[in-house]
Amino acid sequence: MTGEPDLRVTRGNPTDEELAAVLAVVTEAAAQEAATATVDDRPVNRAWTTSRRLRRYDRRPWGGFAG
């Protein structure tokens, strides 16, 4: 750890017990958030892959219509 505190009291004079309670709550909240965090593994659609120009179309749009 560095010498810089991670938590700073800007008002009041909390007791050691009050500071310990705040740290316990913040630590538990951070642990719960980390435990439920998920990574989105879905592929990212980029503009080049969704571009209309790059889609393949059938050259016979009527599918065998011989009018």
PDB file of N, CA and C in Angstrom:
ATOM      1  N   MET A   1       0.821  -1.189   0.000  1.00  0.00           N
ATOM      2  CA  MET A   1       0.000   0.000   0.000  1.00  0.00           C
ATOM      3  C   MET A   1       0.861   1.248   0.000  1.00  0.00           C
ATOM      4  N   THR A   2       0.311   2.284  -0.531  1.00  0.00           N
ATOM      5  CA  THR A   2       1.018   3.555  -0.515  1.00  0.00           C
ATOM      6  C   THR A   2       0.673   4.296   0.761  1.00  0.00           C
ATOM      7  N   GLY A   3       1.310   5.420   0.980  1.00  0.00           N
ATOM      8  CA  GLY A   3       1.044   6.221   2.163  1.00  0.00           C
ATOM      9  C   GLY A   3      -0.268   6.985   2.079  1.00  0.00           C
ATOM     10  N   GLU A   4      -0.858   7.078   0.881  1.00  0.00           N
ATOM     11  CA  GLU A   4      -2.111   7.800   0.686  1.00  0.00           C
ATOM     12  C   GLU A   4      -3.285   6.950   1.169  1.00  0.00           C
ATOM     13  N   PRO A   5      -4.168   7.510   2.009  1.00  0.00           N
ATOM     14  CA  PRO A   5      -5.298   6.717   2.509  1.00  0.00           C
ATOM     15  C   PRO A   5      -6.345   6.492   1.417  1.00  0.00           C
ATOM     16  N   ASP A   6      -7.003   5.331   1.483  1.00  0.00           N
ATOM     17  CA  ASP A   6      -8.058   5.020   0.531  1.00  0.00           C
ATOM     18  C   ASP A   6      -9.395   5.601   0.969  1.00  0.00           C
ATOM     19  N   LEU A   7      -9.524   5.922   2.230  1.00  0.00           N
ATOM     20  CA  LEU A   7     -10.750   6.478   2.780  1.00  0.00           C
ATOM     21  C   LEU A   7     -10.378   7.698   3.606  1.00  0.00           C
ATOM     22  N   ARG A   8     -11.097   8.790   3.380  1.00  0.00           N
ATOM     23  CA  ARG A   8     -10.781  10.023   4.090  1.00  0.00           C
ATOM     24  C   ARG A   8     -12.046  10.560   4.743  1.00  0.00           C
ATOM     25  N   VAL A   9     -11.943  10.962   5.986  1.00  0.00           N
ATOM     26  CA  VAL A   9     -13.055  11.577   6.703  1.00  0.00           C
ATOM     27  C   VAL A   9     -12.957  13.075   6.475  1.00  0.00           C
ATOM     28  N   THR A  10     -14.024  13.662   5.912  1.00  0.00           N
ATOM     29  CA  THR A  10     -13.990  15.095   5.626  1.00  0.00           C
ATOM     30  C   THR A  10     -14.753  15.914   6.652  1.00  0.00           C
ATOM     31  N   ARG A  11     -15.637  15.264   7.418  1.00  0.00           N
ATOM     32  CA  ARG A  11     -16.378  15.964   8.468  1.00  0.00           C
ATOM     33  C   ARG A  11     -16.531  15.072   9.677  1.00  0.00           C
ATOM     34  N   GLY A  12     -16.566  15.688  10.806  1.00  0.00           N
ATOM     35  CA  GLY A  12     -16.819  14.948  12.043  1.00  0.00           C
ATOM     36  C   GLY A  12     -15.584  14.249  12.562  1.00  0.00           C
ATOM     37  N   ASN A  13     -15.775  13.581  13.678  1.00  0.00           N
ATOM     38  CA  ASN A  13     -14.698  12.839  14.327  1.00  0.00           C
ATOM     39  C   ASN A  13     -15.198  11.439  14.655  1.00  0.00           C
ATOM     40  N   PRO A  14     -15.182  10.533  13.679  1.00  0.00           N
ATOM     41  CA  PRO A  14     -15.683   9.190  13.952  1.00  0.00           C
ATOM     42  C   PRO A  14     -14.744   8.432  14.885  1.00  0.00           C
ATOM     43  N   THR A  15     -15.350   7.540  15.651  1.00  0.00           N
ATOM     44  CA  THR A  15     -14.548   6.697  16.537  1.00  0.00           C
ATOM     45  C   THR A  15     -13.928   5.576  15.719  1.00  0.00           C
ATOM     46  N   ASP A  16     -13.017   4.856  16.328  1.00  0.00           N
ATOM     47  CA  ASP A  16     -12.401   3.719  15.643  1.00  0.00           C
ATOM     48  C   ASP A  16     -13.448   2.664  15.286  1.00  0.00           C
ATOM     49  N   GLU A  17     -14.438   2.474  16.161  1.00  0.00           N
ATOM     50  CA  GLU A  17     -15.499   1.499  15.896  1.00  0.00           C
ATOM     51  C   GLU A  17     -16.349   1.928  14.695  1.00  0.00           C
ATOM     52  N   GLU A  18     -16.652   3.218  14.597  1.00  0.00           N
ATOM     53  CA  GLU A  18     -17.437   3.714  13.470  1.00  0.00           C
ATOM     54  C   GLU A  18     -16.673   3.561  12.154  1.00  0.00           C
ATOM     55  N   LEU A  19     -15.391   3.866  12.182  1.00  0.00           N
ATOM     56  CA  LEU A  19     -14.572   3.678  10.980  1.00  0.00           C
ATOM     57  C   LEU A  19     -14.496   2.212  10.585  1.00  0.00           C
ATOM     58  N   ALA A  20     -14.358   1.342  11.584  1.00  0.00           N
ATOM     59  CA  ALA A  20     -14.308  -0.096  11.305  1.00  0.00           C
ATOM     60  C   ALA A  20     -15.623  -0.572  10.696  1.00  0.00           C
ATOM     61  N   ALA A  21     -16.747  -0.046  11.185  1.00  0.00           N
ATOM     62  CA  ALA A  21     -18.050  -0.432  10.644  1.00  0.00           C
ATOM     63  C   ALA A  21     -18.193   0.025   9.195  1.00  0.00           C
ATOM     64  N   VAL A  22     -17.781   1.240   8.908  1.00  0.00           N
ATOM     65  CA  VAL A  22     -17.859   1.748   7.534  1.00  0.00           C
ATOM     66  C   VAL A  22     -16.968   0.920   6.612  1.00  0.00           C
ATOM     67  N   LEU A  23     -15.771   0.627   7.042  1.00  0.00           N
ATOM     68  CA  LEU A  23     -14.867  -0.177   6.220  1.00  0.00           C
ATOM     69  C   LEU A  23     -15.423  -1.573   5.987  1.00  0.00           C
ATOM     70  N   ALA A  24     -16.049  -2.160   7.005  1.00  0.00           N
ATOM     71  CA  ALA A  24     -16.629  -3.494   6.845  1.00  0.00           C
ATOM     72  C   ALA A  24     -17.750  -3.479   5.814  1.00  0.00           C
ATOM     73  N   VAL A  25     -18.604  -2.466   5.868  1.00  0.00           N
ATOM     74  CA  VAL A  25     -19.717  -2.371   4.914  1.00  0.00           C
ATOM     75  C   VAL A  25     -19.195  -2.155   3.499  1.00  0.00           C
ATOM     76  N   VAL A  26     -18.253  -1.253   3.337  1.00  0.00           N
ATOM     77  CA  VAL A  26     -17.712  -0.966   2.005  1.00  0.00           C
ATOM     78  C   VAL A  26     -16.969  -2.182   1.452  1.00  0.00           C
ATOM     79  N   THR A  27     -16.213  -2.856   2.285  1.00  0.00           N
ATOM     80  CA  THR A  27     -15.480  -4.043   1.849  1.00  0.00           C
ATOM     81  C   THR A  27     -16.434  -5.149   1.428  1.00  0.00           C
ATOM     82  N   GLU A  28     -17.492  -5.370   2.202  1.00  0.00           N
ATOM     83  CA  GLU A  28     -18.470  -6.405   1.859  1.00  0.00           C
ATOM     84  C   GLU A  28     -19.208  -6.063   0.565  1.00  0.00           C
ATOM     85  N   ALA A  29     -19.563  -4.803   0.389  1.00  0.00           N
ATOM     86  CA  ALA A  29     -20.243  -4.394  -0.845  1.00  0.00           C
ATOM     87  C   ALA A  29     -19.338  -4.610  -2.053  1.00  0.00           C
ATOM     88  N   ALA A  30     -18.069  -4.290  -1.925  1.00  0.00           N
ATOM     89  CA  ALA A  30     -17.125  -4.498  -3.028  1.00  0.00           C
ATOM     90  C   ALA A  30     -16.944  -5.983  -3.314  1.00  0.00           C
ATOM     91  N   ALA A  31     -16.908  -6.803  -2.271  1.00  0.00           N
ATOM     92  CA  ALA A  31     -16.757  -8.246  -2.465  1.00  0.00           C
ATOM     93  C   ALA A  31     -17.981  -8.833  -3.157  1.00  0.00           C
ATOM     94  N   GLN A  32     -19.175  -8.388  -2.784  1.00  0.00           N
ATOM     95  CA  GLN A  32     -20.392  -8.882  -3.429  1.00  0.00           C
ATOM     96  C   GLN A  32     -20.446  -8.460  -4.893  1.00  0.00           C
ATOM     97  N   GLU A  33     -20.052  -7.242  -5.168  1.00  0.00           N
ATOM     98  CA  GLU A  33     -20.047  -6.778  -6.557  1.00  0.00           C
ATOM     99  C   GLU A  33     -19.054  -7.573  -7.391  1.00  0.00           C
ATOM    100  N   ALA A  34     -17.894  -7.853  -6.832  1.00  0.00           N
ATOM    101  CA  ALA A  34     -16.888  -8.628  -7.558  1.00  0.00           C
ATOM    102  C   ALA A  34     -17.355 -10.063  -7.772  1.00  0.00           C
ATOM    103  N   ALA A  35     -18.088 -10.618  -6.809  1.00  0.00           N
ATOM    104  CA  ALA A  35     -18.555 -11.996  -6.931  1.00  0.00           C
ATOM    105  C   ALA A  35     -19.639 -12.135  -7.991  1.00  0.00           C
ATOM    106  N   THR A  36     -20.428 -11.098  -8.194  1.00  0.00           N
ATOM    107  CA  THR A  36     -21.526 -11.183  -9.161  1.00  0.00           C
ATOM    108  C   THR A  36     -21.166 -10.577 -10.511  1.00  0.00           C
ATOM    109  N   ALA A  37     -19.963 -10.073 -10.650  1.00  0.00           N
ATOM    110  CA  ALA A  37     -19.547  -9.464 -11.916  1.00  0.00           C
ATOM    111  C   ALA A  37     -19.432 -10.543 -12.984  1.00  0.00           C
ATOM    112  N   THR A  38     -19.869 -10.217 -14.185  1.00  0.00           N
ATOM    113  CA  THR A  38     -19.783 -11.152 -15.299  1.00  0.00           C
ATOM    114  C   THR A  38     -19.090 -10.472 -16.470  1.00  0.00           C
ATOM    115  N   VAL A  39     -18.565 -11.303 -17.331  1.00  0.00           N
ATOM    116  CA  VAL A  39     -17.914 -10.816 -18.541  1.00  0.00           C
ATOM    117  C   VAL A  39     -18.829 -11.150 -19.708  1.00  0.00           C
ATOM    118  N   ASP A  40     -19.087 -10.194 -20.533  1.00  0.00           N
ATOM    119  CA  ASP A  40     -19.932 -10.401 -21.698  1.00  0.00           C
ATOM    120  C   ASP A  40     -19.095 -11.046 -22.795  1.00  0.00           C
ATOM    121  N   ASP A  41     -19.358 -12.332 -23.073  1.00  0.00           N
ATOM    122  CA  ASP A  41     -18.578 -13.072 -24.061  1.00  0.00           C
ATOM    123  C   ASP A  41     -19.210 -13.075 -25.445  1.00  0.00           C
ATOM    124  N   ARG A  42     -20.280 -12.323 -25.622  1.00  0.00           N
ATOM    125  CA  ARG A  42     -20.910 -12.284 -26.933  1.00  0.00           C
ATOM    126  C   ARG A  42     -19.987 -11.587 -27.925  1.00  0.00           C
ATOM    127  N   PRO A  43     -19.978 -12.065 -29.168  1.00  0.00           N
ATOM    128  CA  PRO A  43     -19.129 -11.393 -30.162  1.00  0.00           C
ATOM    129  C   PRO A  43     -19.633  -9.979 -30.424  1.00  0.00           C
ATOM    130  N   VAL A  44     -18.706  -9.107 -30.668  1.00  0.00           N
ATOM    131  CA  VAL A  44     -19.039  -7.709 -30.926  1.00  0.00           C
ATOM    132  C   VAL A  44     -19.296  -7.545 -32.414  1.00  0.00           C
ATOM    133  N   ASN A  45     -20.446  -6.976 -32.749  1.00  0.00           N
ATOM    134  CA  ASN A  45     -20.741  -6.696 -34.152  1.00  0.00           C
ATOM    135  C   ASN A  45     -20.101  -5.372 -34.526  1.00  0.00           C
ATOM    136  N   ARG A  46     -19.248  -5.429 -35.488  1.00  0.00           N
ATOM    137  CA  ARG A  46     -18.574  -4.227 -35.945  1.00  0.00           C
ATOM    138  C   ARG A  46     -19.262  -3.715 -37.211  1.00  0.00           C
ATOM    139  N   ALA A  47     -18.997  -2.486 -37.535  1.00  0.00           N
ATOM    140  CA  ALA A  47     -19.623  -1.872 -38.702  1.00  0.00           C
ATOM    141  C   ALA A  47     -19.263  -2.613 -39.983  1.00  0.00           C
ATOM    142  N   TRP A  48     -18.042  -3.131 -40.076  1.00  0.00           N
ATOM    143  CA  TRP A  48     -17.638  -3.821 -41.299  1.00  0.00           C
ATOM    144  C   TRP A  48     -18.394  -5.127 -41.468  1.00  0.00           C
ATOM    145  N   THR A  49     -18.726  -5.810 -40.396  1.00  0.00           N
ATOM    146  CA  THR A  49     -19.416  -7.093 -40.525  1.00  0.00           C
ATOM    147  C   THR A  49     -20.909  -6.923 -40.723  1.00  0.00           C
ATOM    148  N   THR A  50     -21.458  -5.795 -40.345  1.00  0.00           N
ATOM    149  CA  THR A  50     -22.893  -5.587 -40.504  1.00  0.00           C
ATOM    150  C   THR A  50     -23.219  -4.687 -41.685  1.00  0.00           C
ATOM    151  N   SER A  51     -22.213  -4.315 -42.427  1.00  0.00           N
ATOM    152  CA  SER A  51     -22.431  -3.434 -43.563  1.00  0.00           C
ATOM    153  C   SER A  51     -23.291  -4.125 -44.613  1.00  0.00           C
ATOM    154  N   ARG A  52     -24.240  -3.410 -45.153  1.00  0.00           N
ATOM    155  CA  ARG A  52     -25.128  -3.963 -46.174  1.00  0.00           C
ATOM    156  C   ARG A  52     -24.349  -4.358 -47.428  1.00  0.00           C
ATOM    157  N   ARG A  53     -23.278  -3.666 -47.706  1.00  0.00           N
ATOM    158  CA  ARG A  53     -22.493  -3.965 -48.905  1.00  0.00           C
ATOM    159  C   ARG A  53     -21.856  -5.342 -48.840  1.00  0.00           C
ATOM    160  N   LEU A  54     -21.549  -5.824 -47.646  1.00  0.00           N
ATOM    161  CA  LEU A  54     -20.831  -7.080 -47.520  1.00  0.00           C
ATOM    162  C   LEU A  54     -21.748  -8.298 -47.463  1.00  0.00           C
ATOM    163  N   ARG A  55     -23.045  -8.101 -47.398  1.00  0.00           N
ATOM    164  CA  ARG A  55     -23.969  -9.228 -47.360  1.00  0.00           C
ATOM    165  C   ARG A  55     -24.069  -9.859 -48.742  1.00  0.00           C
ATOM    166  N   ARG A  56     -24.199 -11.166 -48.755  1.00  0.00           N
ATOM    167  CA  ARG A  56     -24.320 -11.872 -50.035  1.00  0.00           C
ATOM    168  C   ARG A  56     -25.789 -12.017 -50.378  1.00  0.00           C
ATOM    169  N   TYR A  57     -26.120 -11.649 -51.569  1.00  0.00           N
ATOM    170  CA  TYR A  57     -27.488 -11.786 -52.049  1.00  0.00           C
ATOM    171  C   TYR A  57     -27.510 -12.799 -53.185  1.00  0.00           C
ATOM    172  N   ASP A  58     -28.614 -13.492 -53.281  1.00  0.00           N
ATOM    173  CA  ASP A  58     -28.789 -14.413 -54.396  1.00  0.00           C
ATOM    174  C   ASP A  58     -28.951 -13.592 -55.670  1.00  0.00           C
ATOM    175  N   ARG A  59     -28.310 -14.028 -56.730  1.00  0.00           N
ATOM    176  CA  ARG A  59     -28.393 -13.276 -57.981  1.00  0.00           C
ATOM    177  C   ARG A  59     -29.761 -13.427 -58.640  1.00  0.00           C
ATOM    178  N   ARG A  60     -30.503 -14.395 -58.204  1.00  0.00           N
ATOM    179  CA  ARG A  60     -31.845 -14.595 -58.752  1.00  0.00           C
ATOM    180  C   ARG A  60     -32.857 -14.262 -57.655  1.00  0.00           C
ATOM    181  N   PRO A  61     -33.241 -13.015 -57.520  1.00  0.00           N
ATOM    182  CA  PRO A  61     -34.092 -12.628 -56.404  1.00  0.00           C
ATOM    183  C   PRO A  61     -35.465 -13.277 -56.423  1.00  0.00           C
ATOM    184  N   TRP A  62     -35.962 -13.703 -57.594  1.00  0.00           N
ATOM    185  CA  TRP A  62     -37.281 -14.332 -57.650  1.00  0.00           C
ATOM    186  C   TRP A  62     -37.168 -15.841 -57.537  1.00  0.00           C
ATOM    187  N   GLY A  63     -35.991 -16.355 -57.338  1.00  0.00           N
ATOM    188  CA  GLY A  63     -35.793 -17.773 -57.061  1.00  0.00           C
ATOM    189  C   GLY A  63     -36.210 -18.726 -58.171  1.00  0.00           C
ATOM    190  N   GLY A  64     -35.976 -18.442 -59.365  1.00  0.00           N
ATOM    191  CA  GLY A  64     -36.310 -19.353 -60.446  1.00  0.00           C
ATOM    192  C   GLY A  64     -37.516 -18.908 -61.254  1.00  0.00           C
ATOM    193  N   PHE A  65     -38.003 -17.758 -60.987  1.00  0.00           N
ATOM    194  CA  PHE A  65     -39.117 -17.218 -61.769  1.00  0.00           C
ATOM    195  C   PHE A  65     -38.628 -16.958 -63.185  1.00  0.00           C
ATOM    196  N   ALA A  66     -39.291 -17.524 -64.129  1.00  0.00           N
ATOM    197  CA  ALA A  66     -38.875 -17.351 -65.521  1.00  0.00           C
ATOM    198  C   ALA A  66     -40.022 -16.726 -66.303  1.00  0.00           C
ATOM    199  N   GLY A  67     -40.360 -15.489 -65.977  1.00  0.00           N
ATOM    200  CA  GLY A  67     -41.495 -14.782 -66.523  1.00  0.00           C
ATOM    201  C   GLY A  67     -41.470 -14.633 -67.939  1.00  0.00           C
TER     202      GLY A  67
END
